[in-house]
């Protein structure tokens, strides 16, 4: 089975922060709260033209998932199917971002 490289997309990842962990407030209630958070980000001088946004939503992630093996399989799959970059993002960066989802499971903005 060979994926169609024109129609195929990487899975969309979304993340809901764990509310029981101590971290900065990352709650986005609706579009209005998102815009307000972005304005605060801009006022602090942190919003640049090169800023990339990532969203993660993890459902039923097993803690016993072999994380390194899963990351290796992801990169191998992309490499086998001819990718060195996906939309300009190198495979090592994709691996690193996936590693954050699997290992850290927190999001701070």
C-alpha atoms as a PDB file:
ATOM      1  CA  UNK A   1       0.000   0.000   0.000  1.00  0.00           C
ATOM      2  CA  UNK A   2       1.519   3.297  -1.099  1.00  0.00           C
ATOM      3  CA  UNK A   3       0.182   6.680   0.084  1.00  0.00           C
ATOM      4  CA  UNK A   4      -0.758   9.272  -2.496  1.00  0.00           C
ATOM      5  CA  UNK A   5       1.834  12.036  -1.899  1.00  0.00           C
ATOM      6  CA  UNK A   6      -0.473  14.691  -3.390  1.00  0.00           C
ATOM      7  CA  UNK A   7      -3.570  13.874  -1.284  1.00  0.00           C
ATOM      8  CA  UNK A   8      -1.833  12.544   1.835  1.00  0.00           C
ATOM      9  CA  UNK A   9      -1.416  14.781   4.902  1.00  0.00           C
ATOM     10  CA  UNK A  10       0.217  14.306   8.258  1.00  0.00           C
ATOM     11  CA  UNK A  11      -2.242  13.580  11.030  1.00  0.00           C
ATOM     12  CA  UNK A  12      -3.566  16.700  12.699  1.00  0.00           C
ATOM     13  CA  UNK A  13      -2.507  16.777  16.340  1.00  0.00           C
ATOM     14  CA  UNK A  14      -4.417  18.725  18.985  1.00  0.00           C
ATOM     15  CA  UNK A  15      -3.679  19.105  22.696  1.00  0.00           C
ATOM     16  CA  UNK A  16      -5.790  19.747  25.779  1.00  0.00           C
ATOM     17  CA  UNK A  17      -3.594  20.874  28.679  1.00  0.00           C
ATOM     18  CA  UNK A  18      -3.683  18.786  31.855  1.00  0.00           C
ATOM     19  CA  UNK A  19      -5.405  20.985  34.403  1.00  0.00           C
ATOM     20  CA  UNK A  20      -3.992  19.120  37.415  1.00  0.00           C
ATOM     21  CA  UNK A  21      -0.412  20.089  36.525  1.00  0.00           C
ATOM     22  CA  UNK A  22       1.035  23.393  37.659  1.00  0.00           C
ATOM     23  CA  UNK A  23       1.855  25.501  34.625  1.00  0.00           C
ATOM     24  CA  UNK A  24       1.046  28.811  33.047  1.00  0.00           C
ATOM     25  CA  UNK A  25      -2.558  29.471  32.101  1.00  0.00           C
ATOM     26  CA  UNK A  26      -3.090  27.952  28.654  1.00  0.00           C
ATOM     27  CA  UNK A  27      -6.879  27.918  28.623  1.00  0.00           C
ATOM     28  CA  UNK A  28      -8.463  29.176  25.424  1.00  0.00           C
ATOM     29  CA  UNK A  29     -12.226  29.279  25.942  1.00  0.00           C
ATOM     30  CA  UNK A  30     -13.306  30.609  22.565  1.00  0.00           C
ATOM     31  CA  UNK A  31     -12.168  32.745  19.659  1.00  0.00           C
ATOM     32  CA  UNK A  32     -12.349  35.918  21.749  1.00  0.00           C
ATOM     33  CA  UNK A  33     -10.029  34.559  24.437  1.00  0.00           C
ATOM     34  CA  UNK A  34      -7.638  33.377  21.708  1.00  0.00           C
ATOM     35  CA  UNK A  35      -7.505  36.879  20.183  1.00  0.00           C
ATOM     36  CA  UNK A  36      -6.955  38.410  23.640  1.00  0.00           C
ATOM     37  CA  UNK A  37      -4.120  35.977  24.354  1.00  0.00           C
ATOM     38  CA  UNK A  38      -2.521  36.774  20.985  1.00  0.00           C
ATOM     39  CA  UNK A  39      -2.740  40.526  21.709  1.00  0.00           C
ATOM     40  CA  UNK A  40      -0.963  39.990  25.050  1.00  0.00           C
ATOM     41  CA  UNK A  41       1.658  37.924  23.264  1.00  0.00           C
ATOM     42  CA  UNK A  42       2.149  40.741  20.743  1.00  0.00           C
ATOM     43  CA  UNK A  43       2.405  43.415  23.471  1.00  0.00           C
ATOM     44  CA  UNK A  44       5.212  41.419  25.084  1.00  0.00           C
ATOM     45  CA  UNK A  45       7.051  41.448  21.752  1.00  0.00           C
ATOM     46  CA  UNK A  46       6.933  37.655  21.455  1.00  0.00           C
ATOM     47  CA  UNK A  47       4.782  37.450  18.318  1.00  0.00           C
ATOM     48  CA  UNK A  48       7.057  37.498  15.249  1.00  0.00           C
ATOM     49  CA  UNK A  49       6.442  36.965  11.553  1.00  0.00           C
ATOM     50  CA  UNK A  50       8.343  33.670  11.976  1.00  0.00           C
ATOM     51  CA  UNK A  51       6.187  32.441  14.885  1.00  0.00           C
ATOM     52  CA  UNK A  52       4.750  28.985  14.240  1.00  0.00           C
ATOM     53  CA  UNK A  53       1.641  27.728  16.015  1.00  0.00           C
ATOM     54  CA  UNK A  54       1.142  24.107  17.033  1.00  0.00           C
ATOM     55  CA  UNK A  55      -1.966  22.546  18.523  1.00  0.00           C
ATOM     56  CA  UNK A  56      -2.202  19.106  20.092  1.00  0.00           C
ATOM     57  CA  UNK A  57      -5.198  17.025  21.147  1.00  0.00           C
ATOM     58  CA  UNK A  58      -4.292  13.666  22.633  1.00  0.00           C
ATOM     59  CA  UNK A  59      -6.981  11.057  23.220  1.00  0.00           C
ATOM     60  CA  UNK A  60      -6.327   7.773  25.023  1.00  0.00           C
ATOM     61  CA  UNK A  61      -2.558   7.985  24.808  1.00  0.00           C
ATOM     62  CA  UNK A  62      -1.227   4.886  26.526  1.00  0.00           C
ATOM     63  CA  UNK A  63       1.586   5.581  28.963  1.00  0.00           C
ATOM     64  CA  UNK A  64       3.191   2.282  27.979  1.00  0.00           C
ATOM     65  CA  UNK A  65       3.552   3.314  24.330  1.00  0.00           C
ATOM     66  CA  UNK A  66       7.154   2.603  23.235  1.00  0.00           C
ATOM     67  CA  UNK A  67       7.908   6.274  22.587  1.00  0.00           C
ATOM     68  CA  UNK A  68      11.302   6.033  20.888  1.00  0.00           C
ATOM     69  CA  UNK A  69      10.065   3.230  18.650  1.00  0.00           C
ATOM     70  CA  UNK A  70       6.979   5.257  17.693  1.00  0.00           C
ATOM     71  CA  UNK A  71       9.181   8.237  16.791  1.00  0.00           C
ATOM     72  CA  UNK A  72      11.517   6.025  14.754  1.00  0.00           C
ATOM     73  CA  UNK A  73       8.547   4.537  12.877  1.00  0.00           C
ATOM     74  CA  UNK A  74       7.153   8.009  12.098  1.00  0.00           C
ATOM     75  CA  UNK A  75      10.442   9.216  10.594  1.00  0.00           C
ATOM     76  CA  UNK A  76      11.044   5.921   8.795  1.00  0.00           C
ATOM     77  CA  UNK A  77       7.552   6.036   7.245  1.00  0.00           C
ATOM     78  CA  UNK A  78       8.113   9.544   5.913  1.00  0.00           C
ATOM     79  CA  UNK A  79      11.614   8.705   4.675  1.00  0.00           C
ATOM     80  CA  UNK A  80      10.497   5.476   2.933  1.00  0.00           C
ATOM     81  CA  UNK A  81       7.842   7.435   1.075  1.00  0.00           C
ATOM     82  CA  UNK A  82      10.331   9.970  -0.232  1.00  0.00           C
ATOM     83  CA  UNK A  83      10.038  12.811   2.232  1.00  0.00           C
ATOM     84  CA  UNK A  84      13.032  14.770   3.501  1.00  0.00           C
ATOM     85  CA  UNK A  85      10.780  17.668   4.522  1.00  0.00           C
ATOM     86  CA  UNK A  86       7.038  18.119   4.943  1.00  0.00           C
ATOM     87  CA  UNK A  87       5.859  21.602   3.939  1.00  0.00           C
ATOM     88  CA  UNK A  88       9.408  22.837   4.506  1.00  0.00           C
ATOM     89  CA  UNK A  89       9.790  21.215   7.936  1.00  0.00           C
ATOM     90  CA  UNK A  90      12.713  18.751   8.158  1.00  0.00           C
ATOM     91  CA  UNK A  91      11.979  15.219   9.392  1.00  0.00           C
ATOM     92  CA  UNK A  92      14.172  15.729  12.466  1.00  0.00           C
ATOM     93  CA  UNK A  93      12.035  18.726  13.473  1.00  0.00           C
ATOM     94  CA  UNK A  94       8.867  16.674  12.962  1.00  0.00           C
ATOM     95  CA  UNK A  95      10.404  13.961  15.140  1.00  0.00           C
ATOM     96  CA  UNK A  96      11.250  16.522  17.809  1.00  0.00           C
ATOM     97  CA  UNK A  97       7.712  17.966  17.803  1.00  0.00           C
ATOM     98  CA  UNK A  98       6.207  14.478  18.021  1.00  0.00           C
ATOM     99  CA  UNK A  99       8.615  13.746  20.870  1.00  0.00           C
ATOM    100  CA  UNK A 100       7.264  16.746  22.769  1.00  0.00           C
ATOM    101  CA  UNK A 101       3.737  15.370  22.411  1.00  0.00           C
ATOM    102  CA  UNK A 102       4.733  11.891  23.559  1.00  0.00           C
ATOM    103  CA  UNK A 103       7.186  12.742  26.328  1.00  0.00           C
ATOM    104  CA  UNK A 104       6.302  16.140  27.758  1.00  0.00           C
ATOM    105  CA  UNK A 105       2.551  16.295  27.186  1.00  0.00           C
ATOM    106  CA  UNK A 106       2.405  19.955  28.242  1.00  0.00           C
ATOM    107  CA  UNK A 107       1.928  23.137  26.259  1.00  0.00           C
ATOM    108  CA  UNK A 108       2.989  26.607  27.336  1.00  0.00           C
ATOM    109  CA  UNK A 109       2.502  29.792  25.313  1.00  0.00           C
END
